[in-house]
C-alpha atoms as a PDB file:
ATOM      1  CA  UNK A   1       0.000   0.000   0.000  1.00  0.00           C
ATOM      2  CA  UNK A   2       2.776   2.452   0.834  1.00  0.00           C
ATOM      3  CA  UNK A   3       4.339   2.120  -2.603  1.00  0.00           C
ATOM      4  CA  UNK A   4       1.163   3.591  -4.131  1.00  0.00           C
ATOM      5  CA  UNK A   5       1.124   6.626  -1.836  1.00  0.00           C
ATOM      6  CA  UNK A   6       3.527   8.711  -3.995  1.00  0.00           C
ATOM      7  CA  UNK A   7       1.156   8.224  -6.921  1.00  0.00           C
ATOM      8  CA  UNK A   8      -1.635   9.794  -4.899  1.00  0.00           C
ATOM      9  CA  UNK A   9       0.463  12.742  -3.739  1.00  0.00           C
ATOM     10  CA  UNK A  10       2.121  13.524  -7.063  1.00  0.00           C
ATOM     11  CA  UNK A  11      -0.943  15.001  -8.835  1.00  0.00           C
ATOM     12  CA  UNK A  12      -1.534  17.395  -5.949  1.00  0.00           C
ATOM     13  CA  UNK A  13       2.056  18.588  -5.690  1.00  0.00           C
ATOM     14  CA  UNK A  14       1.763  21.117  -8.518  1.00  0.00           C
ATOM     15  CA  UNK A  15      -1.548  22.646  -7.444  1.00  0.00           C
ATOM     16  CA  UNK A  16      -2.139  25.837  -5.493  1.00  0.00           C
ATOM     17  CA  UNK A  17      -5.123  27.740  -4.177  1.00  0.00           C
ATOM     18  CA  UNK A  18      -6.702  30.438  -6.319  1.00  0.00           C
ATOM     19  CA  UNK A  19      -5.291  33.174  -4.063  1.00  0.00           C
ATOM     20  CA  UNK A  20      -1.780  31.714  -4.353  1.00  0.00           C
ATOM     21  CA  UNK A  21      -2.170  31.449  -8.122  1.00  0.00           C
ATOM     22  CA  UNK A  22      -3.243  35.084  -8.445  1.00  0.00           C
ATOM     23  CA  UNK A  23      -0.277  36.267  -6.366  1.00  0.00           C
ATOM     24  CA  UNK A  24       2.166  34.767  -8.907  1.00  0.00           C
ATOM     25  CA  UNK A  25       3.666  36.804 -11.711  1.00  0.00           C
ATOM     26  CA  UNK A  26       1.970  36.011 -15.032  1.00  0.00           C
ATOM     27  CA  UNK A  27       3.743  33.509 -17.281  1.00  0.00           C
ATOM     28  CA  UNK A  28       1.897  34.957 -20.250  1.00  0.00           C
ATOM     29  CA  UNK A  29       0.660  38.521 -20.874  1.00  0.00           C
ATOM     30  CA  UNK A  30      -1.176  39.575 -24.036  1.00  0.00           C
ATOM     31  CA  UNK A  31      -3.561  42.299 -25.178  1.00  0.00           C
ATOM     32  CA  UNK A  32      -6.607  42.054 -27.414  1.00  0.00           C
ATOM     33  CA  UNK A  33      -8.991  44.403 -29.196  1.00  0.00           C
ATOM     34  CA  UNK A  34     -11.803  41.869 -28.801  1.00  0.00           C
ATOM     35  CA  UNK A  35     -14.435  42.219 -26.085  1.00  0.00           C
ATOM     36  CA  UNK A  36     -13.866  40.407 -22.782  1.00  0.00           C
ATOM     37  CA  UNK A  37     -16.806  38.098 -23.629  1.00  0.00           C
ATOM     38  CA  UNK A  38     -15.215  37.164 -26.968  1.00  0.00           C
ATOM     39  CA  UNK A  39     -11.836  36.499 -25.342  1.00  0.00           C
ATOM     40  CA  UNK A  40     -13.405  34.422 -22.564  1.00  0.00           C
ATOM     41  CA  UNK A  41     -15.446  32.325 -24.999  1.00  0.00           C
ATOM     42  CA  UNK A  42     -12.536  31.692 -27.338  1.00  0.00           C
ATOM     43  CA  UNK A  43     -10.092  30.709 -24.584  1.00  0.00           C
ATOM     44  CA  UNK A  44     -12.680  28.537 -22.806  1.00  0.00           C
ATOM     45  CA  UNK A  45     -13.442  26.640 -26.030  1.00  0.00           C
ATOM     46  CA  UNK A  46      -9.801  26.445 -27.094  1.00  0.00           C
ATOM     47  CA  UNK A  47      -8.490  25.024 -23.835  1.00  0.00           C
ATOM     48  CA  UNK A  48     -11.468  22.787 -23.010  1.00  0.00           C
ATOM     49  CA  UNK A  49      -9.906  19.675 -24.590  1.00  0.00           C
ATOM     50  CA  UNK A  50      -6.823  19.813 -22.364  1.00  0.00           C
ATOM     51  CA  UNK A  51      -8.004  21.749 -19.291  1.00  0.00           C
ATOM     52  CA  UNK A  52     -11.748  21.054 -19.150  1.00  0.00           C
ATOM     53  CA  UNK A  53     -14.373  23.704 -18.403  1.00  0.00           C
ATOM     54  CA  UNK A  54     -13.134  26.580 -16.237  1.00  0.00           C
ATOM     55  CA  UNK A  55     -14.806  28.104 -13.223  1.00  0.00           C
ATOM     56  CA  UNK A  56     -15.399  31.725 -14.215  1.00  0.00           C
ATOM     57  CA  UNK A  57     -14.993  34.203 -11.378  1.00  0.00           C
ATOM     58  CA  UNK A  58     -16.255  37.694 -12.198  1.00  0.00           C
ATOM     59  CA  UNK A  59     -15.245  40.826 -10.350  1.00  0.00           C
ATOM     60  CA  UNK A  60     -15.391  44.523 -11.172  1.00  0.00           C
ATOM     61  CA  UNK A  61     -13.294  45.077 -14.291  1.00  0.00           C
ATOM     62  CA  UNK A  62     -11.950  41.537 -14.518  1.00  0.00           C
ATOM     63  CA  UNK A  63     -12.795  37.886 -14.764  1.00  0.00           C
ATOM     64  CA  UNK A  64     -10.707  34.830 -14.005  1.00  0.00           C
ATOM     65  CA  UNK A  65     -10.950  31.507 -15.803  1.00  0.00           C
ATOM     66  CA  UNK A  66      -9.877  29.113 -13.057  1.00  0.00           C
ATOM     67  CA  UNK A  67      -8.880  25.596 -14.055  1.00  0.00           C
ATOM     68  CA  UNK A  68      -8.753  23.053 -11.232  1.00  0.00           C
ATOM     69  CA  UNK A  69      -9.321  19.377 -10.566  1.00  0.00           C
ATOM     70  CA  UNK A  70     -11.069  19.403  -7.219  1.00  0.00           C
ATOM     71  CA  UNK A  71     -12.779  22.773  -6.898  1.00  0.00           C
ATOM     72  CA  UNK A  72     -10.007  24.126  -4.680  1.00  0.00           C
ATOM     73  CA  UNK A  73      -6.509  23.437  -6.059  1.00  0.00           C
ATOM     74  CA  UNK A  74      -5.828  25.452  -9.211  1.00  0.00           C
ATOM     75  CA  UNK A  75      -3.311  24.378 -11.829  1.00  0.00           C
ATOM     76  CA  UNK A  76      -3.933  27.266 -14.257  1.00  0.00           C
ATOM     77  CA  UNK A  77      -5.799  30.553 -14.431  1.00  0.00           C
ATOM     78  CA  UNK A  78      -6.393  33.106 -17.135  1.00  0.00           C
ATOM     79  CA  UNK A  79      -7.236  36.633 -15.973  1.00  0.00           C
ATOM     80  CA  UNK A  80      -9.074  38.857 -18.461  1.00  0.00           C
ATOM     81  CA  UNK A  81      -8.812  42.518 -17.475  1.00  0.00           C
ATOM     82  CA  UNK A  82     -11.399  44.774 -19.076  1.00  0.00           C
ATOM     83  CA  UNK A  83     -10.197  47.920 -20.824  1.00  0.00           C
ATOM     84  CA  UNK A  84      -9.061  49.099 -24.218  1.00  0.00           C
ATOM     85  CA  UNK A  85      -7.252  46.982 -25.062  1.00  0.00           C
ATOM     86  CA  UNK A  86      -8.271  43.950 -23.004  1.00  0.00           C
ATOM     87  CA  UNK A  87      -5.328  42.461 -21.069  1.00  0.00           C
ATOM     88  CA  UNK A  88      -4.929  38.688 -20.761  1.00  0.00           C
ATOM     89  CA  UNK A  89      -2.692  37.221 -18.056  1.00  0.00           C
ATOM     90  CA  UNK A  90      -1.913  33.514 -17.802  1.00  0.00           C
ATOM     91  CA  UNK A  91      -0.719  31.929 -14.580  1.00  0.00           C
ATOM     92  CA  UNK A  92       0.010  28.276 -14.020  1.00  0.00           C
ATOM     93  CA  UNK A  93       2.069  25.628 -12.342  1.00  0.00           C
ATOM     94  CA  UNK A  94       5.010  23.993 -14.042  1.00  0.00           C
ATOM     95  CA  UNK A  95       4.872  23.886 -17.816  1.00  0.00           C
ATOM     96  CA  UNK A  96       1.083  24.179 -18.027  1.00  0.00           C
ATOM     97  CA  UNK A  97       1.325  26.690 -20.902  1.00  0.00           C
ATOM     98  CA  UNK A  98       2.837  24.414 -23.531  1.00  0.00           C
ATOM     99  CA  UNK A  99       3.553  25.898 -26.933  1.00  0.00           C
ATOM    100  CA  UNK A 100       0.239  24.545 -28.265  1.00  0.00           C
ATOM    101  CA  UNK A 101      -1.783  26.024 -25.401  1.00  0.00           C
ATOM    102  CA  UNK A 102       0.096  29.310 -25.750  1.00  0.00           C
ATOM    103  CA  UNK A 103      -0.750  29.348 -29.483  1.00  0.00           C
ATOM    104  CA  UNK A 104      -4.434  28.862 -28.668  1.00  0.00           C
ATOM    105  CA  UNK A 105      -4.431  31.808 -26.255  1.00  0.00           C
ATOM    106  CA  UNK A 106      -2.445  33.987 -28.682  1.00  0.00           C
ATOM    107  CA  UNK A 107      -4.896  33.167 -31.499  1.00  0.00           C
ATOM    108  CA  UNK A 108      -7.809  34.103 -29.237  1.00  0.00           C
ATOM    109  CA  UNK A 109      -6.158  37.420 -28.371  1.00  0.00           C
ATOM    110  CA  UNK A 110      -5.593  38.190 -32.059  1.00  0.00           C
ATOM    111  CA  UNK A 111      -9.174  37.369 -32.942  1.00  0.00           C
END
């Protein structure tokens, strides 16, 4: 039984709380001339195959697409800051923003 314990702990090792995730420096920062709704929809659809459906947290002037496995421990978040232009910040653990995922987000920002 003990030899299986590392397999249970390993998936949780790279996860953080939403507050911890938001305190990190962004690994990806982009701007877009699209509306925040367009950016949110495009990124949500584009990353759904690898990340699943995000929890969307809305606040005044911003929204966060929070990707997690258990409702608490985040492994990636995309913050969309309203303004002209819209600012997109990506935060994540490890190498969560692979070149393919980065291309998806960049394509969404470009429209």
